[in-house]
């Protein structure tokens, strides 16, 4: 995805969902892990290959997606 180092979207990978580069982990899955209280290190332990240093960018991406549903967004 333009402007992101760790987030990619490929139609051949998870149906085009945003994923963490070099993994088959979707951004939404990582966000769900964080919502359950997991740390970046715990996610990496459960999912070898996940780079904990990608977390700030994942959170930024999520924040930008939520902003799309601001006051000017269609309901």
Protein backbone atom coordinates (compact mmCIF):
# COMPACT_ATOMS: atom_id res chain seq x y z
CA UNK A 1 0.00 0.00 0.00
CA UNK A 2 1.46 3.36 -0.92
CA UNK A 3 2.97 5.17 2.03
CA UNK A 4 3.29 2.07 4.19
CA UNK A 5 6.35 -0.02 4.86
CA UNK A 6 4.60 -2.91 6.63
CA UNK A 7 1.11 -3.00 5.14
CA UNK A 8 0.41 -4.53 1.75
CA UNK A 9 -2.71 -5.46 -0.19
CA UNK A 10 -2.59 -8.13 -2.87
CA UNK A 11 -5.66 -9.64 -4.54
CA UNK A 12 -3.94 -13.05 -4.36
CA UNK A 13 -3.37 -12.82 -0.59
CA UNK A 14 -6.35 -13.08 1.77
CA UNK A 15 -8.69 -11.75 -0.91
CA UNK A 16 -6.93 -8.40 -1.06
CA UNK A 17 -7.30 -7.56 2.63
CA UNK A 18 -4.58 -5.34 4.05
CA UNK A 19 -1.94 -7.66 5.49
CA UNK A 20 1.36 -7.41 7.30
CA UNK A 21 4.20 -7.61 4.79
CA UNK A 22 5.90 -10.98 4.67
CA UNK A 23 3.08 -12.74 6.54
CA UNK A 24 -0.41 -14.07 5.94
CA UNK A 25 -1.71 -12.02 8.88
CA UNK A 26 -4.41 -9.48 8.14
CA UNK A 27 -4.34 -6.06 9.75
CA UNK A 28 -7.79 -6.79 11.18
CA UNK A 29 -6.48 -9.97 12.85
CA UNK A 30 -3.62 -8.07 14.48
CA UNK A 31 -6.06 -5.41 15.68
CA UNK A 32 -8.26 -8.15 17.16
CA UNK A 33 -5.22 -9.56 18.97
CA UNK A 34 -4.48 -6.12 20.42
CA UNK A 35 -8.13 -5.70 21.44
CA UNK A 36 -7.83 -8.96 23.38
CA UNK A 37 -4.93 -7.45 25.30
CA UNK A 38 -2.01 -9.09 23.54
CA UNK A 39 1.27 -7.22 23.24
CA UNK A 40 3.35 -7.07 20.08
CA UNK A 41 5.78 -9.57 21.56
CA UNK A 42 2.95 -11.97 22.45
CA UNK A 43 1.58 -11.73 18.91
CA UNK A 44 5.06 -12.48 17.54
CA UNK A 45 5.34 -15.45 19.89
CA UNK A 46 1.98 -16.88 18.77
CA UNK A 47 2.55 -15.99 15.10
CA UNK A 48 6.22 -16.47 14.21
CA UNK A 49 7.31 -14.03 11.56
CA UNK A 50 5.12 -11.19 12.80
CA UNK A 51 7.29 -8.07 13.21
CA UNK A 52 6.27 -6.24 16.41
CA UNK A 53 7.85 -3.08 14.98
CA UNK A 54 4.93 -2.98 12.51
CA UNK A 55 2.44 -2.14 15.28
CA UNK A 56 2.68 1.67 15.11
CA UNK A 57 2.00 1.56 11.38
CA UNK A 58 -0.90 -0.88 11.83
CA UNK A 59 -2.47 1.46 14.37
CA UNK A 60 -1.91 4.45 12.09
CA UNK A 61 -3.56 2.58 9.21
CA UNK A 62 -6.54 1.69 11.41
CA UNK A 63 -6.87 5.28 12.56
CA UNK A 64 -6.88 6.54 8.98
CA UNK A 65 -9.56 4.01 8.04
CA UNK A 66 -11.77 5.13 10.92
CA UNK A 67 -11.36 8.77 9.89
CA UNK A 68 -12.99 7.88 6.57
CA UNK A 69 -16.22 7.47 8.54
CA UNK A 70 -16.17 11.05 9.81
CA UNK A 71 -19.04 13.53 9.61
CA UNK A 72 -18.86 13.75 5.82
CA UNK A 73 -19.10 10.00 5.24
CA UNK A 74 -22.32 8.55 3.85
CA UNK A 75 -24.31 6.56 6.38
